[in-house]
PDB file of N, CA and C in Angstrom:
ATOM      1  N   MET A   1      31.251  48.455 -42.199  1.00  0.00           N
ATOM      2  CA  MET A   1      32.691  48.320 -42.286  1.00  0.00           C
ATOM      3  C   MET A   1      33.152  48.451 -43.741  1.00  0.00           C
ATOM      4  N   LEU A   2      32.374  47.885 -44.662  1.00  0.00           N
ATOM      5  CA  LEU A   2      32.754  47.988 -46.070  1.00  0.00           C
ATOM      6  C   LEU A   2      32.758  49.442 -46.518  1.00  0.00           C
ATOM      7  N   LEU A   3      31.794  50.209 -46.067  1.00  0.00           N
ATOM      8  CA  LEU A   3      31.762  51.627 -46.424  1.00  0.00           C
ATOM      9  C   LEU A   3      33.015  52.337 -45.912  1.00  0.00           C
ATOM     10  N   ALA A   4      33.456  52.011 -44.714  1.00  0.00           N
ATOM     11  CA  ALA A   4      34.672  52.618 -44.167  1.00  0.00           C
ATOM     12  C   ALA A   4      35.889  52.273 -45.029  1.00  0.00           C
ATOM     13  N   ILE A   5      35.981  51.021 -45.468  1.00  0.00           N
ATOM     14  CA  ILE A   5      37.097  50.611 -46.331  1.00  0.00           C
ATOM     15  C   ILE A   5      37.023  51.343 -47.665  1.00  0.00           C
ATOM     16  N   GLU A   6      35.811  51.451 -48.229  1.00  0.00           N
ATOM     17  CA  GLU A   6      35.651  52.130 -49.503  1.00  0.00           C
ATOM     18  C   GLU A   6      36.030  53.607 -49.398  1.00  0.00           C
ATOM     19  N   ILE A   7      35.639  54.259 -48.306  1.00  0.00           N
ATOM     20  CA  ILE A   7      36.023  55.655 -48.096  1.00  0.00           C
ATOM     21  C   ILE A   7      37.537  55.773 -47.988  1.00  0.00           C
ATOM     22  N   PHE A   8      38.166  54.839 -47.281  1.00  0.00           N
ATOM     23  CA  PHE A   8      39.629  54.816 -47.162  1.00  0.00           C
ATOM     24  C   PHE A   8      40.268  54.691 -48.548  1.00  0.00           C
ATOM     25  N   LEU A   9      39.767  53.772 -49.373  1.00  0.00           N
ATOM     26  CA  LEU A   9      40.342  53.568 -50.700  1.00  0.00           C
ATOM     27  C   LEU A   9      40.187  54.808 -51.571  1.00  0.00           C
ATOM     28  N   VAL A  10      39.012  55.388 -51.577  1.00  0.00           N
ATOM     29  CA  VAL A  10      38.774  56.571 -52.408  1.00  0.00           C
ATOM     30  C   VAL A  10      39.597  57.759 -51.901  1.00  0.00           C
ATOM     31  N   SER A  11      39.677  57.907 -50.593  1.00  0.00           N
ATOM     32  CA  SER A  11      40.446  59.022 -50.018  1.00  0.00           C
ATOM     33  C   SER A  11      41.932  58.914 -50.325  1.00  0.00           C
ATOM     34  N   ASN A  12      42.418  57.690 -50.476  1.00  0.00           N
ATOM     35  CA  ASN A  12      43.842  57.468 -50.745  1.00  0.00           C
ATOM     36  C   ASN A  12      44.102  57.006 -52.176  1.00  0.00           C
ATOM     37  N   ALA A  13      43.145  57.231 -53.058  1.00  0.00           N
ATOM     38  CA  ALA A  13      43.242  56.733 -54.435  1.00  0.00           C
ATOM     39  C   ALA A  13      44.498  57.210 -55.146  1.00  0.00           C
ATOM     40  N   SER A  14      44.843  58.482 -55.011  1.00  0.00           N
ATOM     41  CA  SER A  14      45.999  58.995 -55.750  1.00  0.00           C
ATOM     42  C   SER A  14      47.291  58.314 -55.319  1.00  0.00           C
ATOM     43  N   SER A  15      47.452  58.055 -54.025  1.00  0.00           N
ATOM     44  CA  SER A  15      48.685  57.388 -53.591  1.00  0.00           C
ATOM     45  C   SER A  15      48.651  55.896 -53.935  1.00  0.00           C
ATOM     46  N   ILE A  16      47.473  55.274 -53.904  1.00  0.00           N
ATOM     47  CA  ILE A  16      47.368  53.853 -54.262  1.00  0.00           C
ATOM     48  C   ILE A  16      47.667  53.660 -55.744  1.00  0.00           C
ATOM     49  N   GLN A  17      47.220  54.602 -56.577  1.00  0.00           N
ATOM     50  CA  GLN A  17      47.395  54.478 -58.023  1.00  0.00           C
ATOM     51  C   GLN A  17      48.720  55.016 -58.535  1.00  0.00           C
ATOM     52  N   SER A  18      49.510  55.652 -57.689  1.00  0.00           N
ATOM     53  CA  SER A  18      50.792  56.196 -58.120  1.00  0.00           C
ATOM     54  C   SER A  18      51.749  55.075 -58.499  1.00  0.00           C
ATOM     55  N   PRO A  19      52.489  55.269 -59.594  1.00  0.00           N
ATOM     56  CA  PRO A  19      53.474  54.260 -59.973  1.00  0.00           C
ATOM     57  C   PRO A  19      54.522  54.084 -58.870  1.00  0.00           C
ATOM     58  N   GLY A  20      54.919  52.869 -58.657  1.00  0.00           N
ATOM     59  CA  GLY A  20      55.965  52.593 -57.677  1.00  0.00           C
ATOM     60  C   GLY A  20      55.457  52.413 -56.259  1.00  0.00           C
ATOM     61  N   THR A  21      54.134  52.467 -56.052  1.00  0.00           N
ATOM     62  CA  THR A  21      53.613  52.297 -54.691  1.00  0.00           C
ATOM     63  C   THR A  21      53.135  50.870 -54.434  1.00  0.00           C
ATOM     64  N   SER A  22      53.402  49.968 -55.364  1.00  0.00           N
ATOM     65  CA  SER A  22      52.942  48.595 -55.175  1.00  0.00           C
ATOM     66  C   SER A  22      53.616  47.920 -53.985  1.00  0.00           C
ATOM     67  N   THR A  23      54.721  48.460 -53.534  1.00  0.00           N
ATOM     68  CA  THR A  23      55.381  47.901 -52.352  1.00  0.00           C
ATOM     69  C   THR A  23      54.885  48.552 -51.062  1.00  0.00           C
ATOM     70  N   GLN A  24      54.091  49.614 -51.216  1.00  0.00           N
ATOM     71  CA  GLN A  24      53.533  50.310 -50.057  1.00  0.00           C
ATOM     72  C   GLN A  24      52.539  49.393 -49.345  1.00  0.00           C
ATOM     73  N   ILE A  25      52.621  49.334 -48.024  1.00  0.00           N
ATOM     74  CA  ILE A  25      51.703  48.503 -47.252  1.00  0.00           C
ATOM     75  C   ILE A  25      50.540  49.368 -46.769  1.00  0.00           C
ATOM     76  N   LEU A  26      49.341  48.946 -47.136  1.00  0.00           N
ATOM     77  CA  LEU A  26      48.134  49.626 -46.686  1.00  0.00           C
ATOM     78  C   LEU A  26      47.668  48.916 -45.420  1.00  0.00           C
ATOM     79  N   GLN A  27      47.751  49.598 -44.301  1.00  0.00           N
ATOM     80  CA  GLN A  27      47.417  48.968 -43.023  1.00  0.00           C
ATOM     81  C   GLN A  27      46.046  49.385 -42.534  1.00  0.00           C
ATOM     82  N   ILE A  28      45.366  48.416 -41.936  1.00  0.00           N
ATOM     83  CA  ILE A  28      44.107  48.659 -41.248  1.00  0.00           C
ATOM     84  C   ILE A  28      44.332  48.244 -39.800  1.00  0.00           C
ATOM     85  N   VAL A  29      44.171  49.188 -38.901  1.00  0.00           N
ATOM     86  CA  VAL A  29      44.340  48.917 -37.471  1.00  0.00           C
ATOM     87  C   VAL A  29      42.970  49.052 -36.817  1.00  0.00           C
ATOM     88  N   LEU A  30      42.508  47.974 -36.201  1.00  0.00           N
ATOM     89  CA  LEU A  30      41.241  48.028 -35.477  1.00  0.00           C
ATOM     90  C   LEU A  30      41.508  48.560 -34.084  1.00  0.00           C
ATOM     91  N   LYS A  31      41.143  49.808 -33.871  1.00  0.00           N
ATOM     92  CA  LYS A  31      41.386  50.474 -32.591  1.00  0.00           C
ATOM     93  C   LYS A  31      40.496  49.898 -31.504  1.00  0.00           C
ATOM     94  N   ARG A  32      41.017  49.865 -30.305  1.00  0.00           N
ATOM     95  CA  ARG A  32      40.250  49.404 -29.140  1.00  0.00           C
ATOM     96  C   ARG A  32      39.624  50.598 -28.443  1.00  0.00           C
ATOM     97  N   CYS A  33      38.414  50.398 -27.974  1.00  0.00           N
ATOM     98  CA  CYS A  33      37.710  51.424 -27.216  1.00  0.00           C
ATOM     99  C   CYS A  33      37.751  51.015 -25.752  1.00  0.00           C
ATOM    100  N   GLU A  34      38.259  51.879 -24.919  1.00  0.00           N
ATOM    101  CA  GLU A  34      38.427  51.559 -23.495  1.00  0.00           C
ATOM    102  C   GLU A  34      37.244  51.986 -22.633  1.00  0.00           C
ATOM    103  N   GLU A  35      36.201  52.551 -23.236  1.00  0.00           N
ATOM    104  CA  GLU A  35      35.091  53.106 -22.462  1.00  0.00           C
ATOM    105  C   GLU A  35      34.345  52.068 -21.631  1.00  0.00           C
ATOM    106  N   ASN A  36      33.986  50.950 -22.233  1.00  0.00           N
ATOM    107  CA  ASN A  36      33.197  49.938 -21.537  1.00  0.00           C
ATOM    108  C   ASN A  36      33.915  48.599 -21.663  1.00  0.00           C
ATOM    109  N   LYS A  37      34.779  48.312 -20.723  1.00  0.00           N
ATOM    110  CA  LYS A  37      35.637  47.126 -20.825  1.00  0.00           C
ATOM    111  C   LYS A  37      34.862  45.819 -20.789  1.00  0.00           C
ATOM    112  N   SER A  38      33.689  45.785 -20.147  1.00  0.00           N
ATOM    113  CA  SER A  38      32.936  44.527 -20.048  1.00  0.00           C
ATOM    114  C   SER A  38      32.433  44.069 -21.413  1.00  0.00           C
ATOM    115  N   ARG A  39      32.019  44.991 -22.265  1.00  0.00           N
ATOM    116  CA  ARG A  39      31.527  44.622 -23.596  1.00  0.00           C
ATOM    117  C   ARG A  39      32.595  44.790 -24.655  1.00  0.00           C
ATOM    118  N   SER A  40      33.668  45.454 -24.297  1.00  0.00           N
ATOM    119  CA  SER A  40      34.695  45.807 -25.261  1.00  0.00           C
ATOM    120  C   SER A  40      35.247  44.592 -26.014  1.00  0.00           C
ATOM    121  N   LYS A  41      35.483  43.495 -25.316  1.00  0.00           N
ATOM    122  CA  LYS A  41      36.066  42.314 -25.956  1.00  0.00           C
ATOM    123  C   LYS A  41      35.121  41.728 -27.006  1.00  0.00           C
ATOM    124  N   ASP A  42      33.837  41.603 -26.663  1.00  0.00           N
ATOM    125  CA  ASP A  42      32.859  41.074 -27.619  1.00  0.00           C
ATOM    126  C   ASP A  42      32.674  42.019 -28.805  1.00  0.00           C
ATOM    127  N   ASP A  43      32.598  43.311 -28.525  1.00  0.00           N
ATOM    128  CA  ASP A  43      32.453  44.298 -29.592  1.00  0.00           C
ATOM    129  C   ASP A  43      33.671  44.292 -30.503  1.00  0.00           C
ATOM    130  N   TYR A  44      34.841  44.139 -29.907  1.00  0.00           N
ATOM    131  CA  TYR A  44      36.074  44.141 -30.689  1.00  0.00           C
ATOM    132  C   TYR A  44      36.125  42.919 -31.600  1.00  0.00           C
ATOM    133  N   GLN A  45      35.757  41.760 -31.084  1.00  0.00           N
ATOM    134  CA  GLN A  45      35.739  40.541 -31.898  1.00  0.00           C
ATOM    135  C   GLN A  45      34.726  40.683 -33.029  1.00  0.00           C
ATOM    136  N   ALA A  46      33.587  41.311 -32.749  1.00  0.00           N
ATOM    137  CA  ALA A  46      32.581  41.543 -33.797  1.00  0.00           C
ATOM    138  C   ALA A  46      33.143  42.455 -34.883  1.00  0.00           C
ATOM    139  N   ALA A  47      33.948  43.443 -34.505  1.00  0.00           N
ATOM    140  CA  ALA A  47      34.574  44.340 -35.482  1.00  0.00           C
ATOM    141  C   ALA A  47      35.549  43.573 -36.372  1.00  0.00           C
ATOM    142  N   VAL A  48      36.308  42.658 -35.785  1.00  0.00           N
ATOM    143  CA  VAL A  48      37.225  41.820 -36.566  1.00  0.00           C
ATOM    144  C   VAL A  48      36.435  41.022 -37.597  1.00  0.00           C
ATOM    145  N   GLU A  49      35.338  40.429 -37.171  1.00  0.00           N
ATOM    146  CA  GLU A  49      34.504  39.633 -38.082  1.00  0.00           C
ATOM    147  C   GLU A  49      33.882  40.495 -39.176  1.00  0.00           C
ATOM    148  N   ARG A  50      33.461  41.723 -38.830  1.00  0.00           N
ATOM    149  CA  ARG A  50      32.890  42.625 -39.834  1.00  0.00           C
ATOM    150  C   ARG A  50      33.939  43.034 -40.865  1.00  0.00           C
ATOM    151  N   LEU A  51      35.169  43.238 -40.423  1.00  0.00           N
ATOM    152  CA  LEU A  51      36.242  43.589 -41.354  1.00  0.00           C
ATOM    153  C   LEU A  51      36.476  42.460 -42.348  1.00  0.00           C
ATOM    154  N   ILE A  52      36.565  41.250 -41.859  1.00  0.00           N
ATOM    155  CA  ILE A  52      36.797  40.094 -42.733  1.00  0.00           C
ATOM    156  C   ILE A  52      35.632  39.908 -43.699  1.00  0.00           C
ATOM    157  N   MET A  53      34.404  40.051 -43.204  1.00  0.00           N
ATOM    158  CA  MET A  53      33.227  39.913 -44.061  1.00  0.00           C
ATOM    159  C   MET A  53      33.174  41.023 -45.107  1.00  0.00           C
ATOM    160  N   ALA A  54      33.529  42.241 -44.724  1.00  0.00           N
ATOM    161  CA  ALA A  54      33.514  43.360 -45.663  1.00  0.00           C
ATOM    162  C   ALA A  54      34.462  43.100 -46.830  1.00  0.00           C
ATOM    163  N   ALA A  55      35.639  42.569 -46.545  1.00  0.00           N
ATOM    164  CA  ALA A  55      36.600  42.263 -47.612  1.00  0.00           C
ATOM    165  C   ALA A  55      36.051  41.187 -48.538  1.00  0.00           C
ATOM    166  N   ARG A  56      35.338  40.216 -47.978  1.00  0.00           N
ATOM    167  CA  ARG A  56      34.779  39.119 -48.786  1.00  0.00           C
ATOM    168  C   ARG A  56      33.650  39.569 -49.693  1.00  0.00           C
ATOM    169  N   ILE A  57      32.808  40.501 -49.206  1.00  0.00           N
ATOM    170  CA  ILE A  57      31.631  40.883 -49.996  1.00  0.00           C
ATOM    171  C   ILE A  57      31.893  42.051 -50.941  1.00  0.00           C
ATOM    172  N   SER A  58      33.052  42.669 -50.826  1.00  0.00           N
ATOM    173  CA  SER A  58      33.346  43.785 -51.726  1.00  0.00           C
ATOM    174  C   SER A  58      33.395  43.277 -53.162  1.00  0.00           C
ATOM    175  N   ASP A  59      33.131  44.183 -54.098  1.00  0.00           N
ATOM    176  CA  ASP A  59      33.142  43.809 -55.502  1.00  0.00           C
ATOM    177  C   ASP A  59      33.932  44.849 -56.274  1.00  0.00           C
ATOM    178  N   PRO A  60      35.108  44.505 -56.779  1.00  0.00           N
ATOM    179  CA  PRO A  60      35.803  43.225 -56.664  1.00  0.00           C
ATOM    180  C   PRO A  60      36.284  42.967 -55.234  1.00  0.00           C
ATOM    181  N   LYS A  61      36.560  41.714 -54.997  1.00  0.00           N
ATOM    182  CA  LYS A  61      36.948  41.273 -53.660  1.00  0.00           C
ATOM    183  C   LYS A  61      38.265  41.926 -53.230  1.00  0.00           C
ATOM    184  N   LEU A  62      38.299  42.322 -51.950  1.00  0.00           N
ATOM    185  CA  LEU A  62      39.520  42.864 -51.368  1.00  0.00           C
ATOM    186  C   LEU A  62      40.199  41.775 -50.545  1.00  0.00           C
ATOM    187  N   PHE A  63      41.504  41.756 -50.557  1.00  0.00           N
ATOM    188  CA  PHE A  63      42.250  40.748 -49.813  1.00  0.00           C
ATOM    189  C   PHE A  63      42.984  41.404 -48.654  1.00  0.00           C
ATOM    190  N   ILE A  64      42.650  40.957 -47.458  1.00  0.00           N
ATOM    191  CA  ILE A  64      43.318  41.456 -46.261  1.00  0.00           C
ATOM    192  C   ILE A  64      44.038  40.293 -45.594  1.00  0.00           C
ATOM    193  N   LYS A  65      45.092  40.642 -44.879  1.00  0.00           N
ATOM    194  CA  LYS A  65      45.903  39.627 -44.201  1.00  0.00           C
ATOM    195  C   LYS A  65      46.225  40.125 -42.800  1.00  0.00           C
ATOM    196  N   HIS A  66      46.050  39.240 -41.831  1.00  0.00           N
ATOM    197  CA  HIS A  66      46.404  39.602 -40.463  1.00  0.00           C
ATOM    198  C   HIS A  66      47.918  39.683 -40.383  1.00  0.00           C
ATOM    199  N   MET A  67      48.409  40.799 -39.851  1.00  0.00           N
ATOM    200  CA  MET A  67      49.851  40.982 -39.766  1.00  0.00           C
ATOM    201  C   MET A  67      50.373  40.732 -38.350  1.00  0.00           C
ATOM    202  N   THR A  68      49.781  41.438 -37.385  1.00  0.00           N
ATOM    203  CA  THR A  68      50.314  41.385 -36.033  1.00  0.00           C
ATOM    204  C   THR A  68      49.295  41.952 -35.054  1.00  0.00           C
ATOM    205  N   ILE A  69      49.657  41.925 -33.805  1.00  0.00           N
ATOM    206  CA  ILE A  69      48.931  42.627 -32.751  1.00  0.00           C
ATOM    207  C   ILE A  69      49.917  43.645 -32.202  1.00  0.00           C
ATOM    208  N   ASN A  70      49.515  44.912 -32.183  1.00  0.00           N
ATOM    209  CA  ASN A  70      50.452  45.955 -31.748  1.00  0.00           C
ATOM    210  C   ASN A  70      50.522  46.027 -30.216  1.00  0.00           C
ATOM    211  N   VAL A  71      51.285  46.986 -29.715  1.00  0.00           N
ATOM    212  CA  VAL A  71      51.511  47.098 -28.271  1.00  0.00           C
ATOM    213  C   VAL A  71      50.234  47.423 -27.499  1.00  0.00           C
ATOM    214  N   ASN A  72      49.240  47.995 -28.180  1.00  0.00           N
ATOM    215  CA  ASN A  72      47.957  48.298 -27.538  1.00  0.00           C
ATOM    216  C   ASN A  72      46.966  47.140 -27.654  1.00  0.00           C
ATOM    217  N   LYS A  73      47.469  45.971 -28.095  1.00  0.00           N
ATOM    218  CA  LYS A  73      46.660  44.770 -28.294  1.00  0.00           C
ATOM    219  C   LYS A  73      45.570  44.986 -29.331  1.00  0.00           C
ATOM    220  N   GLU A  74      45.902  45.775 -30.364  1.00  0.00           N
ATOM    221  CA  GLU A  74      45.003  46.028 -31.478  1.00  0.00           C
ATOM    222  C   GLU A  74      45.429  45.177 -32.662  1.00  0.00           C
ATOM    223  N   GLN A  75      44.447  44.640 -33.368  1.00  0.00           N
ATOM    224  CA  GLN A  75      44.717  43.814 -34.542  1.00  0.00           C
ATOM    225  C   GLN A  75      45.165  44.708 -35.696  1.00  0.00           C
ATOM    226  N   VAL A  76      46.237  44.306 -36.361  1.00  0.00           N
ATOM    227  CA  VAL A  76      46.764  45.053 -37.497  1.00  0.00           C
ATOM    228  C   VAL A  76      46.676  44.149 -38.723  1.00  0.00           C
ATOM    229  N   TYR A  77      46.015  44.657 -39.763  1.00  0.00           N
ATOM    230  CA  TYR A  77      45.842  43.926 -41.016  1.00  0.00           C
ATOM    231  C   TYR A  77      46.500  44.704 -42.140  1.00  0.00           C
ATOM    232  N   SER A  78      46.864  43.999 -43.187  1.00  0.00           N
ATOM    233  CA  SER A  78      47.333  44.679 -44.394  1.00  0.00           C
ATOM    234  C   SER A  78      46.309  44.431 -45.495  1.00  0.00           C
ATOM    235  N   LEU A  79      46.111  45.449 -46.307  1.00  0.00           N
ATOM    236  CA  LEU A  79      45.215  45.355 -47.454  1.00  0.00           C
ATOM    237  C   LEU A  79      46.099  45.196 -48.675  1.00  0.00           C
ATOM    238  N   GLU A  80      45.915  44.093 -49.392  1.00  0.00           N
ATOM    239  CA  GLU A  80      46.760  43.811 -50.550  1.00  0.00           C
ATOM    240  C   GLU A  80      46.622  44.926 -51.583  1.00  0.00           C
ATOM    241  N   HIS A  81      47.769  45.469 -51.988  1.00  0.00           N
ATOM    242  CA  HIS A  81      47.793  46.603 -52.912  1.00  0.00           C
ATOM    243  C   HIS A  81      47.106  46.277 -54.234  1.00  0.00           C
ATOM    244  N   CYS A  82      47.362  45.099 -54.800  1.00  0.00           N
ATOM    245  CA  CYS A  82      46.769  44.739 -56.099  1.00  0.00           C
ATOM    246  C   CYS A  82      45.247  44.698 -56.027  1.00  0.00           C
ATOM    247  N   SER A  83      44.709  44.171 -54.933  1.00  0.00           N
ATOM    248  CA  SER A  83      43.250  44.112 -54.823  1.00  0.00           C
ATOM    249  C   SER A  83      42.663  45.508 -54.619  1.00  0.00           C
ATOM    250  N   ALA A  84      43.369  46.368 -53.889  1.00  0.00           N
ATOM    251  CA  ALA A  84      42.906  47.748 -53.700  1.00  0.00           C
ATOM    252  C   ALA A  84      42.912  48.497 -55.032  1.00  0.00           C
ATOM    253  N   LEU A  85      43.959  48.298 -55.816  1.00  0.00           N
ATOM    254  CA  LEU A  85      44.057  48.945 -57.121  1.00  0.00           C
ATOM    255  C   LEU A  85      42.967  48.447 -58.058  1.00  0.00           C
ATOM    256  N   LYS A  86      42.730  47.152 -58.070  1.00  0.00           N
ATOM    257  CA  LYS A  86      41.669  46.585 -58.908  1.00  0.00           C
ATOM    258  C   LYS A  86      40.312  47.135 -58.486  1.00  0.00           C
ATOM    259  N   TRP A  87      40.071  47.215 -57.166  1.00  0.00           N
ATOM    260  CA  TRP A  87      38.799  47.738 -56.664  1.00  0.00           C
ATOM    261  C   TRP A  87      38.612  49.178 -57.138  1.00  0.00           C
ATOM    262  N   LEU A  88      39.655  49.992 -56.994  1.00  0.00           N
ATOM    263  CA  LEU A  88      39.572  51.394 -57.423  1.00  0.00           C
ATOM    264  C   LEU A  88      39.278  51.504 -58.915  1.00  0.00           C
ATOM    265  N   ASN A  89      40.000  50.755 -59.729  1.00  0.00           N
ATOM    266  CA  ASN A  89      39.806  50.831 -61.177  1.00  0.00           C
ATOM    267  C   ASN A  89      38.395  50.425 -61.577  1.00  0.00           C
ATOM    268  N   GLU A  90      37.896  49.323 -61.025  1.00  0.00           N
ATOM    269  CA  GLU A  90      36.553  48.843 -61.356  1.00  0.00           C
ATOM    270  C   GLU A  90      35.485  49.820 -60.886  1.00  0.00           C
ATOM    271  N   ASN A  91      35.627  50.341 -59.697  1.00  0.00           N
ATOM    272  CA  ASN A  91      34.616  51.243 -59.166  1.00  0.00           C
ATOM    273  C   ASN A  91      34.669  52.616 -59.819  1.00  0.00           C
ATOM    274  N   MET A  92      35.831  53.024 -60.304  1.00  0.00           N
ATOM    275  CA  MET A  92      35.906  54.273 -61.047  1.00  0.00           C
ATOM    276  C   MET A  92      35.215  54.121 -62.398  1.00  0.00           C
ATOM    277  N   LYS A  93      35.353  52.956 -63.028  1.00  0.00           N
ATOM    278  CA  LYS A  93      34.632  52.693 -64.284  1.00  0.00           C
ATOM    279  C   LYS A  93      33.130  52.737 -64.036  1.00  0.00           C
ATOM    280  N   TRP A  94      32.708  52.070 -62.975  1.00  0.00           N
ATOM    281  CA  TRP A  94      31.286  52.040 -62.631  1.00  0.00           C
ATOM    282  C   TRP A  94      30.769  53.457 -62.358  1.00  0.00           C
ATOM    283  N   ALA A  95      31.518  54.223 -61.572  1.00  0.00           N
ATOM    284  CA  ALA A  95      31.092  55.585 -61.234  1.00  0.00           C
ATOM    285  C   ALA A  95      31.001  56.444 -62.490  1.00  0.00           C
ATOM    286  N   GLY A  96      31.936  56.273 -63.415  1.00  0.00           N
ATOM    287  CA  GLY A  96      31.893  57.021 -64.666  1.00  0.00           C
ATOM    288  C   GLY A  96      30.638  56.724 -65.461  1.00  0.00           C
ATOM    289  N   LYS A  97      30.249  55.455 -65.512  1.00  0.00           N
ATOM    290  CA  LYS A  97      29.026  55.080 -66.226  1.00  0.00           C
ATOM    291  C   LYS A  97      27.801  55.658 -65.539  1.00  0.00           C
ATOM    292  N   VAL A  98      27.761  55.597 -64.237  1.00  0.00           N
ATOM    293  CA  VAL A  98      26.607  56.105 -63.477  1.00  0.00           C
ATOM    294  C   VAL A  98      26.489  57.611 -63.639  1.00  0.00           C
ATOM    295  N   TRP A  99      27.604  58.326 -63.509  1.00  0.00           N
ATOM    296  CA  TRP A  99      27.548  59.786 -63.629  1.00  0.00           C
ATOM    297  C   TRP A  99      27.210  60.207 -65.046  1.00  0.00           C
ATOM    298  N   LEU A 100      27.766  59.520 -66.031  1.00  0.00           N
ATOM    299  CA  LEU A 100      27.438  59.856 -67.425  1.00  0.00           C
ATOM    300  C   LEU A 100      25.967  59.581 -67.689  1.00  0.00           C
ATOM    301  N   PHE A 101      25.469  58.483 -67.173  1.00  0.00           N
ATOM    302  CA  PHE A 101      24.073  58.116 -67.380  1.00  0.00           C
ATOM    303  C   PHE A 101      23.144  59.136 -66.737  1.00  0.00           C
ATOM    304  N   SER A 102      23.500  59.625 -65.548  1.00  0.00           N
ATOM    305  CA  SER A 102      22.616  60.557 -64.830  1.00  0.00           C
ATOM    306  C   SER A 102      22.600  61.953 -65.463  1.00  0.00           C
ATOM    307  N   ASN A 103      23.560  62.261 -66.324  1.00  0.00           N
ATOM    308  CA  ASN A 103      23.611  63.579 -66.954  1.00  0.00           C
ATOM    309  C   ASN A 103      22.689  63.668 -68.167  1.00  0.00           C
ATOM    310  N   HIS A 104      22.167  62.553 -68.651  1.00  0.00           N
ATOM    311  CA  HIS A 104      21.327  62.582 -69.852  1.00  0.00           C
ATOM    312  C   HIS A 104      19.890  62.815 -69.518  1.00  0.00           C
TER     313      HIS A 104
END
């Protein structure tokens, strides 16, 4: 789950880092899978727990907040813009050091 969040952040880095987007809400919607309804509820709850754990173990820490449940009974979370921006800045510094180091 953390890898999925990191890919989301990197893929949207330019819009997250754009001036004036601090009011933009970054939403994470945990989609429901209707294929196997008997296990779907347990699997869905496990996904919620993985999302919360991923935010806690990220470095720097990401802050997510439960917002609502949509009409499809899917959990909707918001990712705090400041924590996403901090994560991007720190990881871009780290990536720069790693790439520079690997070129020598």
